[in-house]
C-alpha atoms as a PDB file:
ATOM      1  CA  MET A   1      22.026 -31.136 -12.667  1.00  0.00           C
ATOM      2  CA  SER A   2      19.036 -33.338 -13.405  1.00  0.00           C
ATOM      3  CA  LEU A   3      17.674 -35.924 -10.943  1.00  0.00           C
ATOM      4  CA  GLU A   4      18.848 -38.744 -13.226  1.00  0.00           C
ATOM      5  CA  GLN A   5      22.336 -37.349 -13.208  1.00  0.00           C
ATOM      6  CA  GLU A   6      22.385 -36.792  -9.475  1.00  0.00           C
ATOM      7  CA  ILE A   7      21.432 -40.431  -8.669  1.00  0.00           C
ATOM      8  CA  LYS A   8      23.241 -41.813 -11.720  1.00  0.00           C
ATOM      9  CA  GLN A   9      20.168 -43.386 -13.151  1.00  0.00           C
ATOM     10  CA  THR A  10      20.658 -44.971 -16.543  1.00  0.00           C
ATOM     11  CA  LYS A  11      17.121 -46.097 -17.339  1.00  0.00           C
ATOM     12  CA  PRO A  12      14.260 -43.620 -17.613  1.00  0.00           C
ATOM     13  CA  PHE A  13      11.644 -43.490 -14.875  1.00  0.00           C
ATOM     14  CA  LYS A  14       8.475 -45.500 -15.506  1.00  0.00           C
ATOM     15  CA  SER A  15       6.350 -42.435 -15.179  1.00  0.00           C
ATOM     16  CA  ASN A  16       6.406 -38.794 -14.155  1.00  0.00           C
ATOM     17  CA  TYR A  17       4.679 -39.765 -10.964  1.00  0.00           C
ATOM     18  CA  GLU A  18       7.585 -42.096 -10.022  1.00  0.00           C
ATOM     19  CA  LYS A  19      10.119 -39.487 -10.972  1.00  0.00           C
ATOM     20  CA  THR A  20       8.338 -36.857  -8.899  1.00  0.00           C
ATOM     21  CA  LEU A  21       8.229 -39.106  -5.716  1.00  0.00           C
ATOM     22  CA  VAL A  22      11.896 -39.852  -6.086  1.00  0.00           C
ATOM     23  CA  ASN A  23      12.710 -36.243  -6.702  1.00  0.00           C
ATOM     24  CA  ILE A  24      10.806 -35.118  -3.566  1.00  0.00           C
ATOM     25  CA  MET A  25      12.596 -37.760  -1.462  1.00  0.00           C
ATOM     26  CA  PHE A  26      15.974 -36.854  -2.917  1.00  0.00           C
ATOM     27  CA  THR A  27      15.326 -33.110  -2.469  1.00  0.00           C
ATOM     28  CA  ASN A  28      14.134 -33.677   1.168  1.00  0.00           C
ATOM     29  CA  ASN A  29      17.416 -35.542   1.895  1.00  0.00           C
ATOM     30  CA  TRP A  30      19.359 -32.676   0.199  1.00  0.00           C
ATOM     31  CA  ILE A  31      17.670 -30.140   2.388  1.00  0.00           C
ATOM     32  CA  HIS A  32      18.152 -32.212   5.564  1.00  0.00           C
ATOM     33  CA  PHE A  33      21.851 -32.502   4.710  1.00  0.00           C
ATOM     34  CA  LYS A  34      22.149 -28.740   4.326  1.00  0.00           C
ATOM     35  CA  GLN A  35      20.287 -28.204   7.638  1.00  0.00           C
ATOM     36  CA  ASN A  36      22.408 -30.703   9.500  1.00  0.00           C
ATOM     37  CA  LYS A  37      25.482 -28.923   8.256  1.00  0.00           C
ATOM     38  CA  TYR A  38      24.360 -25.703   9.923  1.00  0.00           C
ATOM     39  CA  LEU A  39      22.869 -27.326  13.063  1.00  0.00           C
ATOM     40  CA  LYS A  40      25.899 -29.563  13.799  1.00  0.00           C
ATOM     41  CA  LYS A  41      27.936 -26.684  15.121  1.00  0.00           C
ATOM     42  CA  PHE A  42      25.206 -25.957  17.655  1.00  0.00           C
ATOM     43  CA  ASP A  43      24.979 -29.578  18.791  1.00  0.00           C
ATOM     44  CA  ILE A  44      21.270 -29.730  18.046  1.00  0.00           C
ATOM     45  CA  SER A  45      19.235 -32.016  15.765  1.00  0.00           C
ATOM     46  CA  ILE A  46      16.590 -30.972  13.231  1.00  0.00           C
ATOM     47  CA  GLN A  47      13.971 -32.488  15.473  1.00  0.00           C
ATOM     48  CA  GLN A  48      15.172 -30.523  18.523  1.00  0.00           C
ATOM     49  CA  TYR A  49      15.227 -27.316  16.410  1.00  0.00           C
ATOM     50  CA  ASN A  50      11.633 -28.088  15.338  1.00  0.00           C
ATOM     51  CA  VAL A  51      10.526 -28.497  18.916  1.00  0.00           C
ATOM     52  CA  LEU A  52      12.124 -25.158  19.895  1.00  0.00           C
ATOM     53  CA  ARG A  53      10.356 -23.401  17.009  1.00  0.00           C
ATOM     54  CA  ILE A  54       7.027 -24.916  18.033  1.00  0.00           C
ATOM     55  CA  LEU A  55       7.555 -23.778  21.717  1.00  0.00           C
ATOM     56  CA  ASN A  56       8.633 -20.270  20.553  1.00  0.00           C
ATOM     57  CA  GLY A  57       5.462 -20.032  18.522  1.00  0.00           C
ATOM     58  CA  GLN A  58       3.444 -20.561  21.707  1.00  0.00           C
ATOM     59  CA  LYS A  59       4.313 -17.021  22.853  1.00  0.00           C
ATOM     60  CA  ASP A  60       5.167 -18.119  26.469  1.00  0.00           C
ATOM     61  CA  GLN A  61       2.109 -20.350  26.752  1.00  0.00           C
ATOM     62  CA  PRO A  62       2.766 -23.975  27.904  1.00  0.00           C
ATOM     63  CA  ILE A  63       2.106 -26.887  25.573  1.00  0.00           C
ATOM     64  CA  THR A  64       1.937 -30.643  26.326  1.00  0.00           C
ATOM     65  CA  ILE A  65       4.163 -33.293  24.703  1.00  0.00           C
ATOM     66  CA  ASN A  66       1.114 -34.617  22.828  1.00  0.00           C
ATOM     67  CA  GLU A  67       0.471 -31.165  21.368  1.00  0.00           C
ATOM     68  CA  ILE A  68       4.126 -30.925  20.309  1.00  0.00           C
ATOM     69  CA  ILE A  69       3.870 -34.349  18.551  1.00  0.00           C
ATOM     70  CA  ASP A  70       0.768 -33.066  16.668  1.00  0.00           C
ATOM     71  CA  ARG A  71       2.749 -30.117  15.349  1.00  0.00           C
ATOM     72  CA  MET A  72       6.100 -31.857  14.595  1.00  0.00           C
ATOM     73  CA  LEU A  73       7.304 -32.113  11.010  1.00  0.00           C
ATOM     74  CA  ASP A  74       8.813 -35.529  11.790  1.00  0.00           C
ATOM     75  CA  LYS A  75       5.939 -37.445  13.369  1.00  0.00           C
ATOM     76  CA  MET A  76       8.198 -40.401  14.107  1.00  0.00           C
ATOM     77  CA  SER A  77      10.313 -38.442  16.574  1.00  0.00           C
ATOM     78  CA  ASN A  78      10.242 -39.224  20.239  1.00  0.00           C
ATOM     79  CA  ALA A  79       9.110 -35.928  21.569  1.00  0.00           C
ATOM     80  CA  SER A  80       9.611 -36.953  25.235  1.00  0.00           C
ATOM     81  CA  ARG A  81      13.212 -37.732  24.631  1.00  0.00           C
ATOM     82  CA  LEU A  82      13.696 -34.504  22.554  1.00  0.00           C
ATOM     83  CA  VAL A  83      12.167 -32.439  25.386  1.00  0.00           C
ATOM     84  CA  ASP A  84      14.432 -34.215  27.918  1.00  0.00           C
ATOM     85  CA  LYS A  85      17.532 -33.276  25.911  1.00  0.00           C
ATOM     86  CA  LEU A  86      16.405 -29.648  25.510  1.00  0.00           C
ATOM     87  CA  PHE A  87      15.582 -29.507  29.256  1.00  0.00           C
ATOM     88  CA  ALA A  88      19.083 -30.785  30.141  1.00  0.00           C
ATOM     89  CA  LYS A  89      20.562 -27.975  28.079  1.00  0.00           C
ATOM     90  CA  GLY A  90      18.326 -25.385  29.865  1.00  0.00           C
ATOM     91  CA  PHE A  91      16.395 -24.555  26.669  1.00  0.00           C
ATOM     92  CA  VAL A  92      12.941 -25.583  27.943  1.00  0.00           C
ATOM     93  CA  SER A  93      11.215 -25.789  31.277  1.00  0.00           C
ATOM     94  CA  ARG A  94       8.588 -28.448  32.113  1.00  0.00           C
ATOM     95  CA  ASP A  95       5.956 -28.914  34.704  1.00  0.00           C
ATOM     96  CA  GLN A  96       5.866 -32.652  35.094  1.00  0.00           C
ATOM     97  CA  LYS A  97       2.487 -34.293  35.824  1.00  0.00           C
ATOM     98  CA  VAL A  98       2.799 -37.332  38.244  1.00  0.00           C
ATOM     99  CA  GLY A  99       2.874 -40.640  36.394  1.00  0.00           C
ATOM    100  CA  ASN A 100       2.724 -39.463  32.851  1.00  0.00           C
ATOM    101  CA  ARG A 101       5.743 -38.051  31.023  1.00  0.00           C
ATOM    102  CA  ARG A 102       3.628 -36.866  28.177  1.00  0.00           C
ATOM    103  CA  ALA A 103       1.196 -34.965  30.448  1.00  0.00           C
ATOM    104  CA  CYS A 104       3.637 -32.178  31.310  1.00  0.00           C
ATOM    105  CA  ASP A 105       3.556 -28.571  30.318  1.00  0.00           C
ATOM    106  CA  VAL A 106       6.545 -27.430  28.339  1.00  0.00           C
ATOM    107  CA  LYS A 107       7.736 -23.926  27.674  1.00  0.00           C
ATOM    108  CA  ILE A 108      10.826 -22.409  26.006  1.00  0.00           C
ATOM    109  CA  THR A 109      13.129 -20.569  28.385  1.00  0.00           C
ATOM    110  CA  PRO A 110      14.836 -17.253  27.784  1.00  0.00           C
ATOM    111  CA  LYS A 111      18.050 -19.183  27.243  1.00  0.00           C
ATOM    112  CA  GLY A 112      16.170 -21.391  24.682  1.00  0.00           C
ATOM    113  CA  LYS A 113      14.832 -18.238  22.851  1.00  0.00           C
ATOM    114  CA  SER A 114      18.211 -16.749  22.644  1.00  0.00           C
ATOM    115  CA  PHE A 115      19.771 -20.026  21.393  1.00  0.00           C
ATOM    116  CA  LEU A 116      16.917 -20.450  18.831  1.00  0.00           C
ATOM    117  CA  GLU A 117      17.438 -16.925  17.431  1.00  0.00           C
ATOM    118  CA  GLU A 118      21.238 -17.663  17.047  1.00  0.00           C
ATOM    119  CA  VAL A 119      20.642 -21.002  15.317  1.00  0.00           C
ATOM    120  CA  THR A 120      17.911 -19.528  13.091  1.00  0.00           C
ATOM    121  CA  ASN A 121      20.199 -16.723  11.979  1.00  0.00           C
ATOM    122  CA  SER A 122      22.775 -19.347  11.059  1.00  0.00           C
ATOM    123  CA  ILE A 123      20.421 -21.812   9.291  1.00  0.00           C
ATOM    124  CA  ASN A 124      18.957 -19.040   7.233  1.00  0.00           C
ATOM    125  CA  GLY A 125      22.245 -19.371   5.330  1.00  0.00           C
ATOM    126  CA  ILE A 126      20.591 -22.219   3.550  1.00  0.00           C
ATOM    127  CA  GLU A 127      18.687 -19.659   1.510  1.00  0.00           C
ATOM    128  CA  LYS A 128      21.869 -18.977  -0.297  1.00  0.00           C
ATOM    129  CA  ASP A 129      21.907 -22.609  -1.496  1.00  0.00           C
ATOM    130  CA  MET A 130      18.264 -22.371  -2.592  1.00  0.00           C
ATOM    131  CA  ASN A 131      18.196 -18.959  -4.268  1.00  0.00           C
ATOM    132  CA  LYS A 132      17.635 -20.544  -7.633  1.00  0.00           C
ATOM    133  CA  LEU A 133      13.884 -19.928  -7.358  1.00  0.00           C
ATOM    134  CA  ASN A 134      12.125 -16.570  -7.218  1.00  0.00           C
ATOM    135  CA  ASP A 135       9.185 -15.786  -4.917  1.00  0.00           C
ATOM    136  CA  ALA A 136       6.566 -16.691  -7.556  1.00  0.00           C
ATOM    137  CA  GLU A 137       8.271 -20.008  -8.196  1.00  0.00           C
ATOM    138  CA  PHE A 138       8.427 -20.820  -4.391  1.00  0.00           C
ATOM    139  CA  GLU A 139       4.729 -19.885  -4.181  1.00  0.00           C
ATOM    140  CA  GLU A 140       3.867 -22.192  -7.103  1.00  0.00           C
ATOM    141  CA  LEU A 141       5.947 -25.028  -5.624  1.00  0.00           C
ATOM    142  CA  ASN A 142       4.265 -24.651  -2.217  1.00  0.00           C
ATOM    143  CA  SER A 143       0.875 -24.669  -3.913  1.00  0.00           C
ATOM    144  CA  LEU A 144       1.693 -27.838  -5.901  1.00  0.00           C
ATOM    145  CA  LEU A 145       3.023 -29.596  -2.792  1.00  0.00           C
ATOM    146  CA  ASP A 146      -0.066 -28.648  -0.849  1.00  0.00           C
ATOM    147  CA  LYS A 147      -2.176 -29.925  -3.720  1.00  0.00           C
ATOM    148  CA  LEU A 148      -0.296 -33.170  -3.837  1.00  0.00           C
ATOM    149  CA  ARG A 149      -0.884 -33.835  -0.044  1.00  0.00           C
ATOM    150  CA  ASN A 150      -4.590 -32.893  -0.037  1.00  0.00           C
END
């Protein structure tokens, strides 16, 4: 289905640029909807999942809240609050520095690693919804998106 049909647009876009921006926003929301569907049963948000993936990529090395923020996909997220929620669930450990919540070292726990693996296995089901492109097309799309941002 075309973008115009999906959003029930009756007038043509003013330009390909405008259509592309709307298409990227629409597709981003579509992907988030799919991800939320998979993550909901684990009682975890996309942002919390992103933090766990960042911490897992640290290979058992601690990272500060500010470093997490620098690596987050959603820069508007409150990383301190996300870490607090993950800590309450036992998925991360933190070494709190006195007087500054962002100056603490955070690590993923073994429980967090196990949980992340379970969630990742489930969320990989999204690939079934996105199997309309082959590897070369995904590579081209990634290249074009990188080019747009740079």
